[in-house]
Every structure is written in C-alpha cells, then in structure tokens.
C-alpha atoms as a PDB file:
ATOM      1  CA  MET A   1     -19.157   8.607  25.084  1.00  0.00           C
ATOM      2  CA  PRO A   2     -21.139  11.950  26.098  1.00  0.00           C
ATOM      3  CA  GLU A   3     -24.466  12.009  26.234  1.00  0.00           C
ATOM      4  CA  LEU A   4     -26.898  14.077  24.312  1.00  0.00           C
ATOM      5  CA  GLU A   5     -30.761  14.187  24.443  1.00  0.00           C
ATOM      6  CA  PRO A   6     -32.217  13.442  20.977  1.00  0.00           C
ATOM      7  CA  ASP A   7     -34.732  15.995  20.888  1.00  0.00           C
ATOM      8  CA  ASP A   8     -31.724  18.821  21.113  1.00  0.00           C
ATOM      9  CA  ALA A   9     -28.736  17.310  19.614  1.00  0.00           C
ATOM     10  CA  LEU A  10     -28.241  19.048  15.902  1.00  0.00           C
ATOM     11  CA  PRO A  11     -26.171  16.503  13.488  1.00  0.00           C
ATOM     12  CA  PHE A  12     -22.902  18.964  14.174  1.00  0.00           C
ATOM     13  CA  ASP A  13     -22.964  18.649  17.694  1.00  0.00           C
ATOM     14  CA  LEU A  14     -23.478  14.922  17.775  1.00  0.00           C
ATOM     15  CA  ARG A  15     -20.328  15.018  15.636  1.00  0.00           C
ATOM     16  CA  ASP A  16     -17.969  17.192  17.352  1.00  0.00           C
ATOM     17  CA  ALA A  17     -19.060  15.046  20.276  1.00  0.00           C
ATOM     18  CA  LEU A  18     -18.130  11.949  19.184  1.00  0.00           C
ATOM     19  CA  THR A  19     -14.765  13.607  17.766  1.00  0.00           C
ATOM     20  CA  ARG A  20     -13.920  14.766  21.293  1.00  0.00           C
ATOM     21  CA  SER A  21     -14.890  11.500  22.869  1.00  0.00           C
ATOM     22  CA  ARG A  22     -12.269   9.622  20.039  1.00  0.00           C
ATOM     23  CA  LEU A  23      -9.357  12.390  20.773  1.00  0.00           C
ATOM     24  CA  GLU A  24     -10.225  12.144  24.796  1.00  0.00           C
ATOM     25  CA  ASP A  25      -9.944   8.387  24.427  1.00  0.00           C
ATOM     26  CA  ALA A  26      -6.981   8.166  22.446  1.00  0.00           C
ATOM     27  CA  VAL A  27      -5.072   9.852  25.522  1.00  0.00           C
ATOM     28  CA  ALA A  28      -7.150   8.043  28.130  1.00  0.00           C
ATOM     29  CA  HIS A  29      -4.096   5.816  28.340  1.00  0.00           C
ATOM     30  CA  LEU A  30      -1.553   8.193  29.752  1.00  0.00           C
ATOM     31  CA  THR A  31      -1.365   8.870  33.351  1.00  0.00           C
ATOM     32  CA  GLY A  32      -2.221  12.586  34.720  1.00  0.00           C
ATOM     33  CA  VAL A  33      -4.000  14.380  31.715  1.00  0.00           C
ATOM     34  CA  ASP A  34      -6.726  16.823  32.002  1.00  0.00           C
ATOM     35  CA  VAL A  35      -8.646  18.140  29.434  1.00  0.00           C
ATOM     36  CA  VAL A  36      -8.828  21.653  29.249  1.00  0.00           C
ATOM     37  CA  GLU A  37     -10.724  22.715  26.079  1.00  0.00           C
ATOM     38  CA  PHE A  38     -12.118  21.228  22.752  1.00  0.00           C
ATOM     39  CA  ASP A  39     -11.632  23.158  19.136  1.00  0.00           C
ATOM     40  CA  GLN A  40     -13.850  21.930  16.677  1.00  0.00           C
ATOM     41  CA  ASP A  41     -12.240  23.898  13.904  1.00  0.00           C
ATOM     42  CA  TRP A  42      -8.330  24.577  14.935  1.00  0.00           C
ATOM     43  CA  TRP A  43      -6.251  25.538  11.999  1.00  0.00           C
ATOM     44  CA  ASP A  44      -3.270  23.264  11.842  1.00  0.00           C
ATOM     45  CA  GLY A  45      -1.316  25.116   8.549  1.00  0.00           C
ATOM     46  CA  GLN A  46      -3.110  22.606   6.047  1.00  0.00           C
ATOM     47  CA  ALA A  47      -6.420  21.920   7.193  1.00  0.00           C
ATOM     48  CA  HIS A  48      -9.148  22.943   9.856  1.00  0.00           C
ATOM     49  CA  ALA A  49      -9.510  20.224  11.982  1.00  0.00           C
ATOM     50  CA  PRO A  50     -10.942  19.371  15.427  1.00  0.00           C
ATOM     51  CA  CYS A  51      -8.341  19.927  17.880  1.00  0.00           C
ATOM     52  CA  LEU A  52      -8.687  18.526  22.119  1.00  0.00           C
ATOM     53  CA  VAL A  53      -6.486  20.695  23.851  1.00  0.00           C
ATOM     54  CA  VAL A  54      -4.783  18.469  27.404  1.00  0.00           C
ATOM     55  CA  ARG A  55      -2.604  19.557  30.280  1.00  0.00           C
ATOM     56  CA  GLY A  56      -0.174  16.678  30.474  1.00  0.00           C
ATOM     57  CA  GLY A  57       3.253  14.859  30.307  1.00  0.00           C
ATOM     58  CA  ARG A  58       6.354  14.910  32.329  1.00  0.00           C
ATOM     59  CA  ARG A  59       5.890  18.955  33.248  1.00  0.00           C
ATOM     60  CA  HIS A  60       2.048  19.188  33.000  1.00  0.00           C
ATOM     61  CA  ARG A  61       2.255  21.481  29.860  1.00  0.00           C
ATOM     62  CA  LEU A  62      -0.356  22.323  27.057  1.00  0.00           C
ATOM     63  CA  LEU A  63      -0.703  19.542  24.488  1.00  0.00           C
ATOM     64  CA  ARG A  64      -2.619  19.459  21.785  1.00  0.00           C
ATOM     65  CA  VAL A  65      -4.387  15.921  20.148  1.00  0.00           C
ATOM     66  CA  VAL A  66      -5.246  15.858  16.705  1.00  0.00           C
ATOM     67  CA  GLU A  67      -5.962  13.771  13.878  1.00  0.00           C
ATOM     68  CA  ALA A  68      -4.086  13.504  10.817  1.00  0.00           C
ATOM     69  CA  ALA A  69      -3.464  10.376   8.597  1.00  0.00           C
ATOM     70  CA  GLY A  70      -6.010   8.836  10.459  1.00  0.00           C
ATOM     71  CA  GLU A  71      -4.544   8.771  13.841  1.00  0.00           C
ATOM     72  CA  ALA A  72      -4.917  10.920  16.609  1.00  0.00           C
ATOM     73  CA  PHE A  73      -1.254  12.697  17.878  1.00  0.00           C
ATOM     74  CA  VAL A  74      -0.262  14.481  20.442  1.00  0.00           C
ATOM     75  CA  VAL A  75       1.578  17.456  19.490  1.00  0.00           C
ATOM     76  CA  PRO A  76       2.986  20.664  21.533  1.00  0.00           C
ATOM     77  CA  PHE A  77       0.753  23.165  21.830  1.00  0.00           C
ATOM     78  CA  ASP A  78       2.597  26.206  20.255  1.00  0.00           C
ATOM     79  CA  ARG A  79       1.181  26.621  16.663  1.00  0.00           C
ATOM     80  CA  ARG A  80       4.169  26.767  14.749  1.00  0.00           C
ATOM     81  CA  ALA A  81       5.763  23.890  16.313  1.00  0.00           C
ATOM     82  CA  ALA A  82       2.195  21.604  16.123  1.00  0.00           C
ATOM     83  CA  GLN A  83       2.292  22.746  12.547  1.00  0.00           C
ATOM     84  CA  ARG A  84       5.682  21.465  11.759  1.00  0.00           C
ATOM     85  CA  TRP A  85       4.733  18.008  13.256  1.00  0.00           C
ATOM     86  CA  LEU A  86       1.480  17.645  11.488  1.00  0.00           C
ATOM     87  CA  ALA A  87       3.303  18.450   8.075  1.00  0.00           C
ATOM     88  CA  GLU A  88       5.798  16.050   8.602  1.00  0.00           C
ATOM     89  CA  VAL A  89       3.332  13.450   9.288  1.00  0.00           C
ATOM     90  CA  ARG A  90       1.061  14.430   5.956  1.00  0.00           C
ATOM     91  CA  ARG A  91       3.911  14.587   4.008  1.00  0.00           C
ATOM     92  CA  PRO A  92       4.214  12.151   1.071  1.00  0.00           C
ATOM     93  CA  ARG A  93       6.272   9.096   1.327  1.00  0.00           C
ATOM     94  CA  ARG A  94       8.198   7.433  -1.709  1.00  0.00           C
ATOM     95  CA  THR A  95       6.135   4.435  -2.125  1.00  0.00           C
ATOM     96  CA  GLU A  96       8.328   1.150  -1.603  1.00  0.00           C
ATOM     97  CA  LEU A  97       7.730  -1.868  -3.593  1.00  0.00           C
ATOM     98  CA  GLY A  98       8.727  -4.923  -1.400  1.00  0.00           C
ATOM     99  CA  ILE A  99       8.174  -8.604  -2.135  1.00  0.00           C
ATOM    100  CA  PRO A 100       4.984  -9.520  -1.071  1.00  0.00           C
ATOM    101  CA  ALA A 101       4.965 -12.252   1.578  1.00  0.00           C
ATOM    102  CA  GLN A 102       3.840 -15.694   0.271  1.00  0.00           C
ATOM    103  CA  ARG A 103       0.278 -16.534   0.559  1.00  0.00           C
ATOM    104  CA  THR A 104      -0.761 -19.825   2.797  1.00  0.00           C
ATOM    105  CA  PRO A 105      -3.448 -21.605   0.553  1.00  0.00           C
ATOM    106  CA  VAL A 106      -6.456 -22.247   2.260  1.00  0.00           C
ATOM    107  CA  VAL A 107      -7.491 -25.974   2.619  1.00  0.00           C
ATOM    108  CA  GLY A 108     -10.207 -26.622   0.043  1.00  0.00           C
ATOM    109  CA  THR A 109      -9.736 -23.499  -2.207  1.00  0.00           C
ATOM    110  CA  PRO A 110      -9.658 -24.678  -5.630  1.00  0.00           C
ATOM    111  CA  GLY A 111      -8.417 -21.824  -7.370  1.00  0.00           C
ATOM    112  CA  ASP A 112      -5.021 -21.429  -5.769  1.00  0.00           C
ATOM    113  CA  ILE A 113      -2.359 -23.416  -7.790  1.00  0.00           C
ATOM    114  CA  VAL A 114       0.943 -23.484  -6.726  1.00  0.00           C
ATOM    115  CA  LEU A 115       3.885 -24.445  -9.021  1.00  0.00           C
ATOM    116  CA  ASP A 116       7.178 -25.074  -8.531  1.00  0.00           C
ATOM    117  CA  ALA A 117       9.123 -23.648 -11.056  1.00  0.00           C
ATOM    118  CA  GLU A 118      11.769 -25.828 -10.952  1.00  0.00           C
ATOM    119  CA  ALA A 119      10.106 -29.611 -10.619  1.00  0.00           C
ATOM    120  CA  ASP A 120       6.695 -28.547 -12.116  1.00  0.00           C
ATOM    121  CA  VAL A 121       7.317 -26.655 -15.424  1.00  0.00           C
ATOM    122  CA  LEU A 122       9.777 -26.819 -18.253  1.00  0.00           C
ATOM    123  CA  ARG A 123      11.518 -23.683 -19.164  1.00  0.00           C
ATOM    124  CA  CYS A 124      11.348 -23.208 -23.136  1.00  0.00           C
ATOM    125  CA  GLU A 125      14.890 -23.624 -24.062  1.00  0.00           C
ATOM    126  CA  SER A 126      15.311 -20.454 -26.606  1.00  0.00           C
ATOM    127  CA  PRO A 127      17.823 -18.534 -25.218  1.00  0.00           C
ATOM    128  CA  THR A 128      15.804 -15.067 -25.591  1.00  0.00           C
ATOM    129  CA  CYS A 129      12.908 -17.013 -23.943  1.00  0.00           C
ATOM    130  CA  GLY A 130      11.640 -17.624 -20.326  1.00  0.00           C
ATOM    131  CA  ALA A 131       8.312 -19.213 -21.233  1.00  0.00           C
ATOM    132  CA  LEU A 132       7.315 -21.661 -18.586  1.00  0.00           C
ATOM    133  CA  LEU A 133       5.878 -24.814 -20.233  1.00  0.00           C
ATOM    134  CA  PRO A 134       4.015 -27.428 -18.562  1.00  0.00           C
ATOM    135  CA  THR A 135       5.947 -31.018 -18.265  1.00  0.00           C
ATOM    136  CA  GLU A 136       3.993 -32.975 -21.255  1.00  0.00           C
ATOM    137  CA  TYR A 137       3.759 -29.826 -23.835  1.00  0.00           C
ATOM    138  CA  ASP A 138       4.440 -30.738 -27.579  1.00  0.00           C
ATOM    139  CA  GLY A 139       4.408 -28.423 -29.858  1.00  0.00           C
ATOM    140  CA  ALA A 140       6.249 -24.756 -30.441  1.00  0.00           C
ATOM    141  CA  CYS A 141       6.592 -22.201 -27.379  1.00  0.00           C
ATOM    142  CA  PRO A 142       3.251 -20.147 -27.343  1.00  0.00           C
ATOM    143  CA  VAL A 143       5.880 -17.190 -26.797  1.00  0.00           C
ATOM    144  CA  CYS A 144       8.463 -17.216 -28.932  1.00  0.00           C
ATOM    145  CA  GLY A 145       7.586 -19.791 -31.795  1.00  0.00           C
ATOM    146  CA  ALA A 146      10.526 -22.198 -30.778  1.00  0.00           C
ATOM    147  CA  GLY A 147      10.030 -25.649 -31.942  1.00  0.00           C
ATOM    148  CA  GLY A 148       8.774 -28.003 -28.831  1.00  0.00           C
ATOM    149  CA  ALA A 149      10.197 -26.791 -25.552  1.00  0.00           C
ATOM    150  CA  GLY A 150      13.534 -26.261 -26.822  1.00  0.00           C
ATOM    151  CA  GLY A 151      13.004 -24.652 -30.233  1.00  0.00           C
ATOM    152  CA  GLY A 152      14.973 -27.398 -32.096  1.00  0.00           C
ATOM    153  CA  ALA A 153      19.021 -28.730 -31.418  1.00  0.00           C
ATOM    154  CA  ASP A 154      20.407 -25.505 -31.008  1.00  0.00           C
ATOM    155  CA  GLY A 155      17.986 -23.888 -29.271  1.00  0.00           C
ATOM    156  CA  ALA A 156      17.020 -21.478 -31.903  1.00  0.00           C
ATOM    157  CA  SER A 157      13.733 -20.835 -34.082  1.00  0.00           C
ATOM    158  CA  GLU A 158      13.735 -20.582 -37.605  1.00  0.00           C
ATOM    159  CA  GLU A 159      12.742 -16.933 -37.414  1.00  0.00           C
ATOM    160  CA  LYS A 160      15.455 -14.425 -38.750  1.00  0.00           C
ATOM    161  CA  SER A 161      16.435 -10.970 -37.090  1.00  0.00           C
ATOM    162  CA  THR A 162      16.924  -8.124 -39.228  1.00  0.00           C
ATOM    163  CA  VAL A 163      19.045  -5.059 -38.707  1.00  0.00           C
ATOM    164  CA  THR A 164      16.619  -2.736 -37.311  1.00  0.00           C
ATOM    165  CA  GLY A 165      15.213  -5.663 -35.437  1.00  0.00           C
ATOM    166  CA  ALA A 166      12.218  -7.145 -37.030  1.00  0.00           C
ATOM    167  CA  ARG A 167      11.656 -10.858 -37.240  1.00  0.00           C
ATOM    168  CA  THR A 168      11.396 -12.627 -40.728  1.00  0.00           C
ATOM    169  CA  ALA A 169      10.641 -16.059 -41.369  1.00  0.00           C
ATOM    170  CA  GLY A 170      12.326 -18.317 -44.117  1.00  0.00           C
ATOM    171  CA  SER A 171      15.455 -17.108 -46.105  1.00  0.00           C
ATOM    172  CA  SER A 172      17.509 -14.044 -45.464  1.00  0.00           C
ATOM    173  CA  THR A 173      15.761 -10.662 -46.768  1.00  0.00           C
ATOM    174  CA  SER A 174      18.777  -9.993 -49.328  1.00  0.00           C
ATOM    175  CA  LYS A 175      18.686 -10.366 -52.850  1.00  0.00           C
END
C-alpha cells in the first residue's frame, strides 16, 4: 500500500492511492507487468472509472486494468475494444432459477425440521388437493375441506362446482 503523509493526504488522494494499489495487486501475479500510468477518471463508454495502464502480456503490449462488477479486468488498451469488453461484462443476464442445494442442519439447531414426504406425512386424498397432513391428523383437510385425510370413500368432498367454477355446499343450484 502506498504511504502518504497524513497531513498532506486529501480524501481523494487517499482514495486514488488505495484504488491504484488494488488495481496493481490485481495484476501483481502476472510476470513482466510494468505500470505505465494511473488515470483516476477514465471514461469507458458507460461510466467514469479508475484505470491503470500497464505494459505486459506475451508481446509486452499496453493494457488497461479496470474494475467492473466488483472485479478487476485486464482489457486491451484500445478504447473501443476495452469499451466492448466492459459492455459485455456489464450486460444484464437472464436470472437462472435453480434448485438450491440441500441445507445440512447444524447439530443442536431446534429451528430446522426435516420431513420426509413419503414417511412422515400423509397426503390429502382429494384428487385436486396436495396438502401434506401429519400422520395422526383427524378431521377435514384444512386446505380443501375434504373429510379426514381422504375426504370420504371416493376422495371427494360434498362441495359441488358450478359451471362458472364457484363452489357451493349442499344440493344442486338448479330449482
């Protein structure tokens, strides 16, 4: 980290020194990299960002080290090529929803209860309901209202559905 005298350091000088140090650390593991200059306000086509100009690589070319999306990137020195690379990094991506990994319960954590849907619960036997009920549950299903964990012999409740989809209890709606 660069050393500044506390009396001489202004807030933006300290910020620039820390940013330069962070960008230098990002390429410190590469062999043969020489720092040419630091530009604290480089326009990359979308935003003003600090940029470290270095000379390195296979052919010892000029390169830029910039920070985007929380990571340091080494991009070509050419302004248009660097702008295209950074625009690709910043391009919004489609969010992929996946199934999260199974959590492992911490020993002694009373808040985590793990249920096995095949052995620990009963499924409501109504053909249109998929509620999970405790194994010793007696009474009507709290979700669909079917009697017990089965709703009767055929699994249907006494509710009737009209043509419009409204549910009525009791006898038919026609007179």
